[in-house]
Amino acid sequence: MSRKTANTKTIENIDTNSLIEELLEHLKSDQIVIPNPEEVSDYLRQYPDIIDLVEFACDETRDRFTPPTQLSLELYRDPESDDEYLTLYVRQEKYEEDIMDVIEDVWSTYEHELTTKLGDFLITTDFDFPR
């Protein structure tokens, strides 16, 4: 019985890894920067329940912010606590006045789903220049 469980977990890991690889490739094809893909992958392996939500939210954000706006998917680590979560940063050379309104609009399309998830995902800006 434990052998079957081990095999099931191996299959689940392979499926999760495949989903994560597909997601990262999809995001890269949408010109979303992922400076540290291993960190992002590790977080998604730990919280696979947000994979679909991350894809949806990134797609929605890219629809609202077309290039040259840079979207960067990164793992945020709070320096004052052990808190960490995936963050999609929106960066522009010249920031639009309504950037936070647009971000909030995208956030509102998925925020209710986060309440049922173990992982966390945020869209924001750090008002930095694209990197």
Protein backbone atom coordinates (compact mmCIF):
# COMPACT_ATOMS: atom_id res chain seq x y z
CA MET A 1 0.00 0.00 0.00
CA SER A 2 2.78 2.44 0.82
CA ARG A 3 4.36 1.59 -2.53
CA LYS A 4 1.22 2.71 -4.32
CA THR A 5 1.24 5.93 -2.32
CA ALA A 6 4.88 6.56 -3.22
CA ASN A 7 4.12 5.97 -6.91
CA THR A 8 1.12 8.27 -6.73
CA LYS A 9 3.23 10.99 -5.13
CA THR A 10 5.88 10.55 -7.82
CA ILE A 11 3.25 10.91 -10.54
CA GLU A 12 1.82 13.96 -8.76
CA ASN A 13 5.31 15.50 -8.56
CA ILE A 14 5.91 14.86 -12.27
CA ASP A 15 2.53 16.36 -13.13
CA THR A 16 3.17 19.39 -10.90
CA ASN A 17 6.65 19.89 -12.35
CA SER A 18 5.22 19.70 -15.88
CA LEU A 19 2.52 22.24 -15.02
CA ILE A 20 5.10 24.58 -13.54
CA GLU A 21 7.40 24.27 -16.57
CA GLU A 22 4.47 24.91 -18.92
CA LEU A 23 3.42 27.93 -16.87
CA LEU A 24 6.90 29.46 -16.86
CA GLU A 25 7.27 28.93 -20.61
CA HIS A 26 3.85 30.47 -21.20
CA LEU A 27 4.73 33.50 -19.08
CA LYS A 28 8.06 33.96 -20.83
CA SER A 29 6.28 33.85 -24.20
CA ASP A 30 4.06 36.68 -22.89
CA GLN A 31 7.21 38.68 -22.14
CA ILE A 32 6.92 38.27 -18.38
CA VAL A 33 10.36 38.38 -16.79
CA ILE A 34 11.22 35.70 -14.23
CA PRO A 35 14.61 36.72 -12.77
CA ASN A 36 14.87 33.66 -10.49
CA PRO A 37 12.84 30.85 -12.06
CA GLU A 38 14.10 28.29 -9.54
CA GLU A 39 12.69 30.30 -6.62
CA VAL A 40 9.36 30.67 -8.40
CA SER A 41 9.29 26.96 -9.26
CA ASP A 42 10.12 25.98 -5.68
CA TYR A 43 7.30 28.14 -4.34
CA LEU A 44 4.83 26.69 -6.83
CA ARG A 45 5.94 23.15 -5.93
CA GLN A 46 5.25 24.01 -2.32
CA TYR A 47 1.86 25.60 -3.18
CA PRO A 48 0.61 23.98 -6.40
CA ASP A 49 -2.93 25.11 -5.60
CA ILE A 50 -2.11 28.57 -6.99
CA ILE A 51 -0.64 27.54 -10.36
CA ASP A 52 -3.88 28.19 -12.27
CA LEU A 53 -4.52 31.40 -10.37
CA VAL A 54 -1.03 32.72 -11.15
CA GLU A 55 -1.52 31.97 -14.83
CA PHE A 56 -4.91 33.67 -14.89
CA ALA A 57 -3.70 36.75 -12.99
CA CYS A 58 -0.55 37.12 -15.12
CA ASP A 59 -2.61 36.84 -18.31
CA GLU A 60 -5.08 39.45 -17.05
CA THR A 61 -2.25 41.76 -16.02
CA ARG A 62 -0.50 41.39 -19.39
CA ASP A 63 -3.81 42.19 -21.14
CA ARG A 64 -4.05 45.41 -19.13
CA PHE A 65 -0.37 46.38 -19.29
CA THR A 66 1.12 45.80 -22.72
CA PRO A 67 4.82 46.17 -23.50
CA PRO A 68 6.89 48.23 -22.91
CA THR A 69 5.46 47.83 -19.39
CA GLN A 70 7.60 45.19 -17.72
CA LEU A 71 5.96 42.43 -15.71
CA SER A 72 8.32 40.55 -13.42
CA LEU A 73 7.32 37.43 -11.47
CA GLU A 74 9.41 37.18 -8.32
CA LEU A 75 9.41 35.58 -4.91
CA TYR A 76 9.05 38.27 -2.27
CA ARG A 77 10.65 37.57 1.09
CA ASP A 78 9.72 39.83 3.97
CA PRO A 79 13.01 40.79 5.66
CA GLU A 80 11.28 41.16 9.05
CA SER A 81 9.48 37.81 9.11
CA ASP A 82 9.46 34.39 7.50
CA ASP A 83 6.67 35.47 5.16
CA GLU A 84 7.18 34.88 1.45
CA TYR A 85 4.87 34.91 -1.54
CA LEU A 86 4.85 35.25 -5.29
CA THR A 87 4.62 38.79 -6.56
CA LEU A 88 4.04 40.10 -10.05
CA TYR A 89 5.69 43.51 -10.25
CA VAL A 90 4.43 46.03 -12.79
CA ARG A 91 7.23 48.38 -13.86
CA GLN A 92 7.12 51.28 -16.29
CA GLU A 93 9.62 53.83 -17.55
CA LYS A 94 7.04 56.55 -16.97
CA TYR A 95 4.37 55.56 -14.50
CA GLU A 96 0.77 56.10 -15.51
CA GLU A 97 -1.38 57.99 -13.01
CA ASP A 98 -3.94 55.19 -12.76
CA ILE A 99 -1.48 52.31 -12.38
CA MET A 100 -2.69 51.39 -8.89
CA ASP A 101 -6.33 51.53 -10.02
CA VAL A 102 -5.60 49.11 -12.86
CA ILE A 103 -3.64 46.80 -10.55
CA GLU A 104 -6.52 46.87 -8.06
CA ASP A 105 -8.97 46.08 -10.86
CA VAL A 106 -6.97 43.01 -11.87
CA TRP A 107 -6.56 42.00 -8.19
CA SER A 108 -10.34 42.12 -7.73
CA THR A 109 -10.81 39.47 -10.44
CA TYR A 110 -9.04 36.80 -8.41
CA GLU A 111 -8.71 37.93 -4.77
CA HIS A 112 -11.73 35.90 -3.62
CA GLU A 113 -10.05 32.71 -4.87
CA LEU A 114 -6.99 33.29 -2.68
CA THR A 115 -9.03 32.69 0.46
CA THR A 116 -9.23 28.99 -0.41
CA LYS A 117 -5.54 28.64 -1.36
CA LEU A 118 -2.50 27.80 0.74
CA GLY A 119 -0.13 29.84 -1.42
CA ASP A 120 -0.28 33.59 -1.84
CA PHE A 121 0.09 35.82 -4.88
CA LEU A 122 0.18 39.60 -5.19
CA ILE A 123 0.25 42.04 -8.06
CA THR A 124 1.84 45.37 -7.25
CA THR A 125 4.46 47.86 -8.32
CA ASP A 126 7.61 48.96 -6.58
CA PHE A 127 7.74 52.08 -8.76
CA ASP A 128 11.16 50.98 -9.91
CA PHE A 129 12.37 51.20 -13.49
CA PRO A 130 12.16 48.09 -15.67
CA ARG A 131 15.25 45.92 -15.21
